[in-house]
Amino acid sequence: MGKGGGCVPSKNRASIAVSDPDPDHPPPPQEQKSAAQSHNPAGEIARNLRIFIVYYSMYGHIELLAKRIKRGVDSVDGVEGILFKVPETLPPKTLEQMKVPAKDDSVPVIEVGKMVEADGFLFGFPTRYGSMAAQMKSFFDSTIDLWKDQRLAGIPAGLFVSTGTQGGGQETTALTAVSLLAHHGMVYVPIGYTFGSEMTNLDTIRGGSPYGAGVLSGDGSRPPSSTELHLAHHQGKYMATLLKRSLPRS
């Protein structure tokens, strides 16, 4: 089994608890964290640490994971998850022929220059032949100016994926994406086996791996299972907890 404490600067730190509250029943408003700005003990204004959840979703599976991941991030006081889509590259007529549903207009399209405002990233995308979809690759290709100056170097980043089948790239899709993080100098944060016994449970079919959360979409009609959604919530909470430990709010 993996050890949650192995991803933080000191292995002497306690590992992150995997007993998350039920993400299907979020706490009432009075128990949720306060606004994005709060006062620290010195009386200075401190902002929340920000994790940008940047994704491409064609049929909605990755979008569902992204929104559940945001809830996991937001469950950690002092950290907030912010959702962004990457630009679509296929023409509307092609999307119509593929019966692609309309995108959520409430989620903005990410601008490359805005990425420098993030304290951490979680990137989500479906697989195409065992690696990331072209839409996400196209977006990464557009970040060349940030790469030239290494503006994203040192920023923690995780990955989550969607595949049609169990052998369709749950691990290879994430693994082949690590090269993009490496060239930017970002610090890859896998979840390992911090989700506990569900990572080794063979009684149910589920997506996800030590590389990150995942969903099996089948022919596109299979919705994420409860376990897949809980794993996504765990990944958001795990990343937020690590980020809060390693970075002071400013």
C-alpha atoms as a PDB file:
ATOM      1  CA  MET A   1       0.000   0.000   0.000  1.00  0.00           C
ATOM      2  CA  GLY A   2       1.176   3.539  -0.715  1.00  0.00           C
ATOM      3  CA  LYS A   3       1.808   6.048   2.051  1.00  0.00           C
ATOM      4  CA  GLY A   4       0.139   9.431   1.948  1.00  0.00           C
ATOM      5  CA  GLY A   5       3.036  11.034   3.837  1.00  0.00           C
ATOM      6  CA  GLY A   6       5.473  10.182   1.050  1.00  0.00           C
ATOM      7  CA  CYS A   7       4.347  13.087  -1.171  1.00  0.00           C
ATOM      8  CA  VAL A   8       5.045  15.862   1.339  1.00  0.00           C
ATOM      9  CA  PRO A   9       8.478  17.453   1.939  1.00  0.00           C
ATOM     10  CA  SER A  10       9.053  15.495   5.165  1.00  0.00           C
ATOM     11  CA  LYS A  11       8.179  11.815   5.537  1.00  0.00           C
ATOM     12  CA  ASN A  12       7.883  12.395   9.274  1.00  0.00           C
ATOM     13  CA  ARG A  13       4.613  14.175   8.728  1.00  0.00           C
ATOM     14  CA  ALA A  14       1.400  12.280   9.347  1.00  0.00           C
ATOM     15  CA  SER A  15      -0.286  10.790   6.306  1.00  0.00           C
ATOM     16  CA  ILE A  16      -3.528  12.288   5.064  1.00  0.00           C
ATOM     17  CA  ALA A  17      -6.658  10.654   6.416  1.00  0.00           C
ATOM     18  CA  VAL A  18      -8.700   8.842   3.797  1.00  0.00           C
ATOM     19  CA  SER A  19     -11.965   8.856   5.753  1.00  0.00           C
ATOM     20  CA  ASP A  20     -13.615  11.677   3.809  1.00  0.00           C
ATOM     21  CA  PRO A  21     -17.142  12.880   4.621  1.00  0.00           C
ATOM     22  CA  ASP A  22     -19.767  11.619   2.196  1.00  0.00           C
ATOM     23  CA  PRO A  23     -19.346  13.864  -0.887  1.00  0.00           C
ATOM     24  CA  ASP A  24     -22.921  13.088  -1.905  1.00  0.00           C
ATOM     25  CA  HIS A  25     -24.125  15.003   1.154  1.00  0.00           C
ATOM     26  CA  PRO A  26     -22.081  18.210   1.541  1.00  0.00           C
ATOM     27  CA  PRO A  27     -22.172  20.004   4.909  1.00  0.00           C
ATOM     28  CA  PRO A  28     -24.724  22.766   5.501  1.00  0.00           C
ATOM     29  CA  PRO A  29     -23.651  26.317   4.548  1.00  0.00           C
ATOM     30  CA  GLN A  30     -22.688  27.314   8.098  1.00  0.00           C
ATOM     31  CA  GLU A  31     -20.137  24.481   8.205  1.00  0.00           C
ATOM     32  CA  GLN A  32     -18.569  25.291   4.877  1.00  0.00           C
ATOM     33  CA  LYS A  33     -15.504  27.491   4.681  1.00  0.00           C
ATOM     34  CA  SER A  34     -15.762  31.241   4.605  1.00  0.00           C
ATOM     35  CA  ALA A  35     -15.231  33.677   1.758  1.00  0.00           C
ATOM     36  CA  ALA A  36     -12.101  33.746  -0.359  1.00  0.00           C
ATOM     37  CA  GLN A  37     -10.428  36.358   1.833  1.00  0.00           C
ATOM     38  CA  SER A  38      -9.937  36.069   5.571  1.00  0.00           C
ATOM     39  CA  HIS A  39      -7.800  37.594   8.303  1.00  0.00           C
ATOM     40  CA  ASN A  40      -4.760  35.746   9.603  1.00  0.00           C
ATOM     41  CA  PRO A  41      -3.663  35.958  13.258  1.00  0.00           C
ATOM     42  CA  ALA A  42      -1.484  38.989  12.495  1.00  0.00           C
ATOM     43  CA  GLY A  43      -4.517  40.889  11.255  1.00  0.00           C
ATOM     44  CA  GLU A  44      -3.394  40.842   7.608  1.00  0.00           C
ATOM     45  CA  ILE A  45      -5.632  39.860   4.721  1.00  0.00           C
ATOM     46  CA  ALA A  46      -4.867  36.342   3.444  1.00  0.00           C
ATOM     47  CA  ARG A  47      -6.365  34.812   0.322  1.00  0.00           C
ATOM     48  CA  ASN A  48      -7.266  31.199  -0.200  1.00  0.00           C
ATOM     49  CA  LEU A  49      -4.790  28.994  -1.995  1.00  0.00           C
ATOM     50  CA  ARG A  50      -6.155  28.294  -5.467  1.00  0.00           C
ATOM     51  CA  ILE A  51      -6.194  24.981  -7.306  1.00  0.00           C
ATOM     52  CA  PHE A  52      -7.181  25.380 -10.945  1.00  0.00           C
ATOM     53  CA  ILE A  53      -9.160  22.345 -12.137  1.00  0.00           C
ATOM     54  CA  VAL A  54      -8.578  22.524 -15.880  1.00  0.00           C
ATOM     55  CA  TYR A  55     -10.352  19.940 -18.009  1.00  0.00           C
ATOM     56  CA  TYR A  56     -11.667  18.848 -21.363  1.00  0.00           C
ATOM     57  CA  SER A  57     -14.860  16.800 -21.389  1.00  0.00           C
ATOM     58  CA  MET A  58     -16.654  15.678 -24.532  1.00  0.00           C
ATOM     59  CA  TYR A  59     -19.584  13.661 -23.175  1.00  0.00           C
ATOM     60  CA  GLY A  60     -19.595  14.949 -19.607  1.00  0.00           C
ATOM     61  CA  HIS A  61     -17.751  12.222 -17.684  1.00  0.00           C
ATOM     62  CA  ILE A  62     -14.643  14.290 -16.969  1.00  0.00           C
ATOM     63  CA  GLU A  63     -16.809  17.291 -16.139  1.00  0.00           C
ATOM     64  CA  LEU A  64     -18.615  15.269 -13.461  1.00  0.00           C
ATOM     65  CA  LEU A  65     -15.279  14.217 -11.970  1.00  0.00           C
ATOM     66  CA  ALA A  66     -14.004  17.802 -12.118  1.00  0.00           C
ATOM     67  CA  LYS A  67     -16.988  19.111 -10.189  1.00  0.00           C
ATOM     68  CA  ARG A  68     -16.637  16.386  -7.575  1.00  0.00           C
ATOM     69  CA  ILE A  69     -12.914  17.118  -7.311  1.00  0.00           C
ATOM     70  CA  LYS A  70     -13.747  20.774  -6.697  1.00  0.00           C
ATOM     71  CA  ARG A  71     -15.949  19.763  -3.778  1.00  0.00           C
ATOM     72  CA  GLY A  72     -13.033  17.810  -2.360  1.00  0.00           C
ATOM     73  CA  VAL A  73     -10.715  20.798  -2.733  1.00  0.00           C
ATOM     74  CA  ASP A  74     -13.263  23.157  -1.208  1.00  0.00           C
ATOM     75  CA  SER A  75     -13.678  20.884   1.822  1.00  0.00           C
ATOM     76  CA  VAL A  76     -10.212  21.970   3.007  1.00  0.00           C
ATOM     77  CA  ASP A  77     -10.265  25.313   4.784  1.00  0.00           C
ATOM     78  CA  GLY A  78      -8.066  27.926   3.141  1.00  0.00           C
ATOM     79  CA  VAL A  79      -8.045  26.255  -0.292  1.00  0.00           C
ATOM     80  CA  GLU A  80     -10.485  26.736  -3.163  1.00  0.00           C
ATOM     81  CA  GLY A  81     -10.960  24.881  -6.423  1.00  0.00           C
ATOM     82  CA  ILE A  82     -11.652  26.895  -9.578  1.00  0.00           C
ATOM     83  CA  LEU A  83     -13.072  25.147 -12.645  1.00  0.00           C
ATOM     84  CA  PHE A  84     -11.902  25.919 -16.178  1.00  0.00           C
ATOM     85  CA  LYS A  85     -12.522  24.298 -19.565  1.00  0.00           C
ATOM     86  CA  VAL A  86      -9.949  24.220 -22.348  1.00  0.00           C
ATOM     87  CA  PRO A  87     -10.990  25.463 -25.794  1.00  0.00           C
ATOM     88  CA  GLU A  88     -12.839  23.082 -28.100  1.00  0.00           C
ATOM     89  CA  THR A  89     -10.983  22.396 -31.347  1.00  0.00           C
ATOM     90  CA  LEU A  90     -13.662  20.517 -33.290  1.00  0.00           C
ATOM     91  CA  PRO A  91     -16.144  22.502 -35.421  1.00  0.00           C
ATOM     92  CA  PRO A  92     -19.773  22.690 -34.218  1.00  0.00           C
ATOM     93  CA  LYS A  93     -21.024  20.580 -37.133  1.00  0.00           C
ATOM     94  CA  THR A  94     -18.681  17.737 -36.238  1.00  0.00           C
ATOM     95  CA  LEU A  95     -19.714  17.908 -32.581  1.00  0.00           C
ATOM     96  CA  GLU A  96     -23.362  17.789 -33.668  1.00  0.00           C
ATOM     97  CA  GLN A  97     -22.742  14.705 -35.801  1.00  0.00           C
ATOM     98  CA  MET A  98     -21.014  13.066 -32.836  1.00  0.00           C
ATOM     99  CA  LYS A  99     -24.040  13.872 -30.653  1.00  0.00           C
ATOM    100  CA  VAL A 100     -21.883  15.769 -28.180  1.00  0.00           C
ATOM    101  CA  PRO A 101     -24.018  17.476 -25.505  1.00  0.00           C
ATOM    102  CA  ALA A 102     -23.785  21.212 -24.871  1.00  0.00           C
ATOM    103  CA  LYS A 103     -21.012  22.353 -22.542  1.00  0.00           C
ATOM    104  CA  ASP A 104     -21.653  23.959 -19.155  1.00  0.00           C
ATOM    105  CA  ASP A 105     -21.560  27.692 -19.922  1.00  0.00           C
ATOM    106  CA  SER A 106     -21.049  28.530 -16.258  1.00  0.00           C
ATOM    107  CA  VAL A 107     -17.492  27.156 -16.466  1.00  0.00           C
ATOM    108  CA  PRO A 108     -15.166  29.649 -18.197  1.00  0.00           C
ATOM    109  CA  VAL A 109     -12.611  28.753 -20.844  1.00  0.00           C
ATOM    110  CA  ILE A 110      -9.097  29.016 -19.438  1.00  0.00           C
ATOM    111  CA  GLU A 111      -6.777  31.728 -20.733  1.00  0.00           C
ATOM    112  CA  VAL A 112      -3.117  30.723 -20.879  1.00  0.00           C
ATOM    113  CA  GLY A 113      -1.921  33.867 -19.123  1.00  0.00           C
ATOM    114  CA  LYS A 114      -4.217  33.205 -16.175  1.00  0.00           C
ATOM    115  CA  MET A 115      -2.429  29.966 -15.295  1.00  0.00           C
ATOM    116  CA  VAL A 116       0.277  31.863 -13.413  1.00  0.00           C
ATOM    117  CA  GLU A 117      -2.356  32.767 -10.798  1.00  0.00           C
ATOM    118  CA  ALA A 118      -2.739  29.144  -9.670  1.00  0.00           C
ATOM    119  CA  ASP A 119      -1.067  27.617  -6.623  1.00  0.00           C
ATOM    120  CA  GLY A 120      -1.806  24.115  -7.908  1.00  0.00           C
ATOM    121  CA  PHE A 121      -3.404  22.302 -10.845  1.00  0.00           C
ATOM    122  CA  LEU A 122      -5.583  19.282 -11.460  1.00  0.00           C
ATOM    123  CA  PHE A 123      -5.867  18.480 -15.173  1.00  0.00           C
ATOM    124  CA  GLY A 124      -8.606  16.187 -16.470  1.00  0.00           C
ATOM    125  CA  PHE A 125      -9.157  14.716 -19.927  1.00  0.00           C
ATOM    126  CA  PRO A 126     -10.498  11.653 -21.753  1.00  0.00           C
ATOM    127  CA  THR A 127      -8.209   9.238 -23.525  1.00  0.00           C
ATOM    128  CA  ARG A 128      -7.676   8.906 -27.236  1.00  0.00           C
ATOM    129  CA  TYR A 129      -5.768   5.722 -28.088  1.00  0.00           C
ATOM    130  CA  GLY A 130      -4.184   5.569 -24.638  1.00  0.00           C
ATOM    131  CA  SER A 131      -3.118   9.193 -24.318  1.00  0.00           C
ATOM    132  CA  MET A 132      -4.771  12.565 -23.720  1.00  0.00           C
ATOM    133  CA  ALA A 133      -7.393  13.968 -26.074  1.00  0.00           C
ATOM    134  CA  ALA A 134      -6.151  16.353 -28.770  1.00  0.00           C
ATOM    135  CA  GLN A 135      -8.087  19.269 -27.267  1.00  0.00           C
ATOM    136  CA  MET A 136      -6.047  19.129 -24.058  1.00  0.00           C
ATOM    137  CA  LYS A 137      -2.800  18.578 -25.980  1.00  0.00           C
ATOM    138  CA  SER A 138      -3.606  21.604 -28.129  1.00  0.00           C
ATOM    139  CA  PHE A 139      -4.069  23.689 -25.011  1.00  0.00           C
ATOM    140  CA  PHE A 140      -0.731  22.565 -23.586  1.00  0.00           C
ATOM    141  CA  ASP A 141       0.885  23.386 -26.938  1.00  0.00           C
ATOM    142  CA  SER A 142      -0.392  26.947 -26.537  1.00  0.00           C
ATOM    143  CA  THR A 143       1.477  27.401 -23.242  1.00  0.00           C
ATOM    144  CA  ILE A 144       4.856  27.748 -24.955  1.00  0.00           C
ATOM    145  CA  ASP A 145       5.474  31.279 -23.636  1.00  0.00           C
ATOM    146  CA  LEU A 146       4.968  30.071 -20.082  1.00  0.00           C
ATOM    147  CA  TRP A 147       7.345  27.195 -20.813  1.00  0.00           C
ATOM    148  CA  LYS A 148      10.052  29.495 -22.194  1.00  0.00           C
ATOM    149  CA  ASP A 149      10.221  31.410 -18.925  1.00  0.00           C
ATOM    150  CA  GLN A 150       9.365  28.381 -16.744  1.00  0.00           C
ATOM    151  CA  ARG A 151       6.507  30.350 -15.198  1.00  0.00           C
ATOM    152  CA  LEU A 152       4.809  27.177 -13.953  1.00  0.00           C
ATOM    153  CA  ALA A 153       7.916  25.511 -12.531  1.00  0.00           C
ATOM    154  CA  GLY A 154       7.493  24.141  -9.044  1.00  0.00           C
ATOM    155  CA  ILE A 155       3.689  24.226  -9.050  1.00  0.00           C
ATOM    156  CA  PRO A 156       2.056  20.946  -7.880  1.00  0.00           C
ATOM    157  CA  ALA A 157      -0.159  19.258 -10.489  1.00  0.00           C
ATOM    158  CA  GLY A 158      -2.308  16.128 -10.589  1.00  0.00           C
ATOM    159  CA  LEU A 159      -4.225  14.295 -13.303  1.00  0.00           C
ATOM    160  CA  PHE A 160      -7.590  12.547 -13.714  1.00  0.00           C
ATOM    161  CA  VAL A 161      -8.879  10.681 -16.748  1.00  0.00           C
ATOM    162  CA  SER A 162     -11.758   8.961 -18.513  1.00  0.00           C
ATOM    163  CA  THR A 163     -11.524   5.862 -20.702  1.00  0.00           C
ATOM    164  CA  GLY A 164     -14.025   3.680 -22.480  1.00  0.00           C
ATOM    165  CA  THR A 165     -12.755   0.382 -21.059  1.00  0.00           C
ATOM    166  CA  GLN A 166     -10.633  -0.938 -18.209  1.00  0.00           C
ATOM    167  CA  GLY A 167      -7.709  -1.533 -20.549  1.00  0.00           C
ATOM    168  CA  GLY A 168      -8.242   1.669 -22.484  1.00  0.00           C
ATOM    169  CA  GLY A 169      -5.628   3.809 -20.766  1.00  0.00           C
ATOM    170  CA  GLN A 170      -6.520   4.469 -17.121  1.00  0.00           C
ATOM    171  CA  GLU A 171      -2.795   4.494 -16.358  1.00  0.00           C
ATOM    172  CA  THR A 172      -1.151   5.203 -19.720  1.00  0.00           C
ATOM    173  CA  THR A 173      -3.266   8.323 -20.306  1.00  0.00           C
ATOM    174  CA  ALA A 174      -1.982   9.848 -17.079  1.00  0.00           C
ATOM    175  CA  LEU A 175       1.532   8.463 -17.436  1.00  0.00           C
ATOM    176  CA  THR A 176       2.057   9.897 -20.918  1.00  0.00           C
ATOM    177  CA  ALA A 177       0.773  13.285 -19.712  1.00  0.00           C
ATOM    178  CA  VAL A 178       3.479  13.495 -17.065  1.00  0.00           C
ATOM    179  CA  SER A 179       5.973  14.512 -19.774  1.00  0.00           C
ATOM    180  CA  LEU A 180       4.040  17.762 -20.280  1.00  0.00           C
ATOM    181  CA  LEU A 181       4.246  18.530 -16.574  1.00  0.00           C
ATOM    182  CA  ALA A 182       7.956  17.678 -16.577  1.00  0.00           C
ATOM    183  CA  HIS A 183       8.791  20.106 -19.379  1.00  0.00           C
ATOM    184  CA  HIS A 184       7.017  22.882 -17.496  1.00  0.00           C
ATOM    185  CA  GLY A 185       8.848  21.931 -14.314  1.00  0.00           C
ATOM    186  CA  MET A 186       5.596  21.242 -12.486  1.00  0.00           C
ATOM    187  CA  VAL A 187       5.628  18.798  -9.590  1.00  0.00           C
ATOM    188  CA  TYR A 188       3.481  15.743 -10.377  1.00  0.00           C
ATOM    189  CA  VAL A 189       1.307  14.651  -7.445  1.00  0.00           C
ATOM    190  CA  PRO A 190      -0.211  11.160  -7.837  1.00  0.00           C
ATOM    191  CA  ILE A 191      -2.655   9.856  -5.258  1.00  0.00           C
ATOM    192  CA  GLY A 192      -0.870   6.556  -4.765  1.00  0.00           C
ATOM    193  CA  TYR A 193      -2.939   4.203  -2.626  1.00  0.00           C
ATOM    194  CA  THR A 194      -4.145   6.887  -0.208  1.00  0.00           C
ATOM    195  CA  PHE A 195      -7.789   6.065  -1.007  1.00  0.00           C
ATOM    196  CA  GLY A 196      -7.448   2.995   1.200  1.00  0.00           C
ATOM    197  CA  SER A 197      -9.023  -0.399   0.634  1.00  0.00           C
ATOM    198  CA  GLU A 198     -11.130   0.781  -2.332  1.00  0.00           C
ATOM    199  CA  MET A 199      -7.921   0.916  -4.386  1.00  0.00           C
ATOM    200  CA  THR A 200      -7.536  -2.855  -4.087  1.00  0.00           C
ATOM    201  CA  ASN A 201     -11.199  -3.848  -3.984  1.00  0.00           C
ATOM    202  CA  LEU A 202     -11.951  -6.226  -6.862  1.00  0.00           C
ATOM    203  CA  ASP A 203     -15.655  -6.614  -6.118  1.00  0.00           C
ATOM    204  CA  THR A 204     -16.720  -3.703  -8.321  1.00  0.00           C
ATOM    205  CA  ILE A 205     -15.592  -2.279 -11.632  1.00  0.00           C
ATOM    206  CA  ARG A 206     -14.189   1.236 -11.320  1.00  0.00           C
ATOM    207  CA  GLY A 207     -11.851   3.685 -12.978  1.00  0.00           C
ATOM    208  CA  GLY A 208      -8.969   5.408 -11.253  1.00  0.00           C
ATOM    209  CA  SER A 209      -5.436   4.331 -10.401  1.00  0.00           C
ATOM    210  CA  PRO A 210      -2.476   5.433  -8.292  1.00  0.00           C
ATOM    211  CA  TYR A 211      -1.938   8.091 -10.963  1.00  0.00           C
ATOM    212  CA  GLY A 212      -5.260   9.825 -10.235  1.00  0.00           C
ATOM    213  CA  ALA A 213      -9.019   9.559 -10.282  1.00  0.00           C
ATOM    214  CA  GLY A 214     -10.712   8.047 -13.309  1.00  0.00           C
ATOM    215  CA  VAL A 215     -14.005   6.920 -14.768  1.00  0.00           C
ATOM    216  CA  LEU A 216     -14.945   4.130 -17.169  1.00  0.00           C
ATOM    217  CA  SER A 217     -17.419   5.567 -19.664  1.00  0.00           C
ATOM    218  CA  GLY A 218     -18.154   2.457 -21.733  1.00  0.00           C
ATOM    219  CA  ASP A 219     -19.944   3.504 -24.918  1.00  0.00           C
ATOM    220  CA  GLY A 220     -20.536   6.916 -23.350  1.00  0.00           C
ATOM    221  CA  SER A 221     -23.749   6.011 -21.570  1.00  0.00           C
ATOM    222  CA  ARG A 222     -22.240   4.676 -18.320  1.00  0.00           C
ATOM    223  CA  PRO A 223     -22.334   7.338 -15.569  1.00  0.00           C
ATOM    224  CA  PRO A 224     -19.546   7.524 -12.978  1.00  0.00           C
ATOM    225  CA  SER A 225     -20.072   5.077 -10.124  1.00  0.00           C
ATOM    226  CA  SER A 226     -20.287   6.145  -6.507  1.00  0.00           C
ATOM    227  CA  THR A 227     -16.771   4.823  -5.918  1.00  0.00           C
ATOM    228  CA  GLU A 228     -15.367   6.770  -8.879  1.00  0.00           C
ATOM    229  CA  LEU A 229     -16.985   9.971  -7.595  1.00  0.00           C
ATOM    230  CA  HIS A 230     -15.725   9.389  -4.070  1.00  0.00           C
ATOM    231  CA  LEU A 231     -12.214   8.825  -5.438  1.00  0.00           C
ATOM    232  CA  ALA A 232     -12.461  12.127  -7.309  1.00  0.00           C
ATOM    233  CA  HIS A 233     -13.544  13.869  -4.089  1.00  0.00           C
ATOM    234  CA  HIS A 234     -10.602  12.251  -2.308  1.00  0.00           C
ATOM    235  CA  GLN A 235      -8.137  13.452  -4.939  1.00  0.00           C
ATOM    236  CA  GLY A 236      -9.347  17.032  -4.574  1.00  0.00           C
ATOM    237  CA  LYS A 237      -9.104  16.884  -0.789  1.00  0.00           C
ATOM    238  CA  TYR A 238      -5.721  15.152  -0.936  1.00  0.00           C
ATOM    239  CA  MET A 239      -4.211  17.751  -3.265  1.00  0.00           C
ATOM    240  CA  ALA A 240      -5.653  20.634  -1.250  1.00  0.00           C
ATOM    241  CA  THR A 241      -4.274  19.222   1.995  1.00  0.00           C
ATOM    242  CA  LEU A 242      -0.808  18.779   0.514  1.00  0.00           C
ATOM    243  CA  LEU A 243      -0.881  22.288  -0.925  1.00  0.00           C
ATOM    244  CA  LYS A 244      -1.956  23.814   2.367  1.00  0.00           C
ATOM    245  CA  ARG A 245       0.885  22.057   4.167  1.00  0.00           C
ATOM    246  CA  SER A 246       3.549  23.149   1.696  1.00  0.00           C
ATOM    247  CA  LEU A 247       2.516  26.717   0.806  1.00  0.00           C
ATOM    248  CA  PRO A 248       1.714  29.613   3.150  1.00  0.00           C
ATOM    249  CA  ARG A 249      -1.210  31.836   2.241  1.00  0.00           C
ATOM    250  CA  SER A 250      -0.259  35.356   1.151  1.00  0.00           C
END
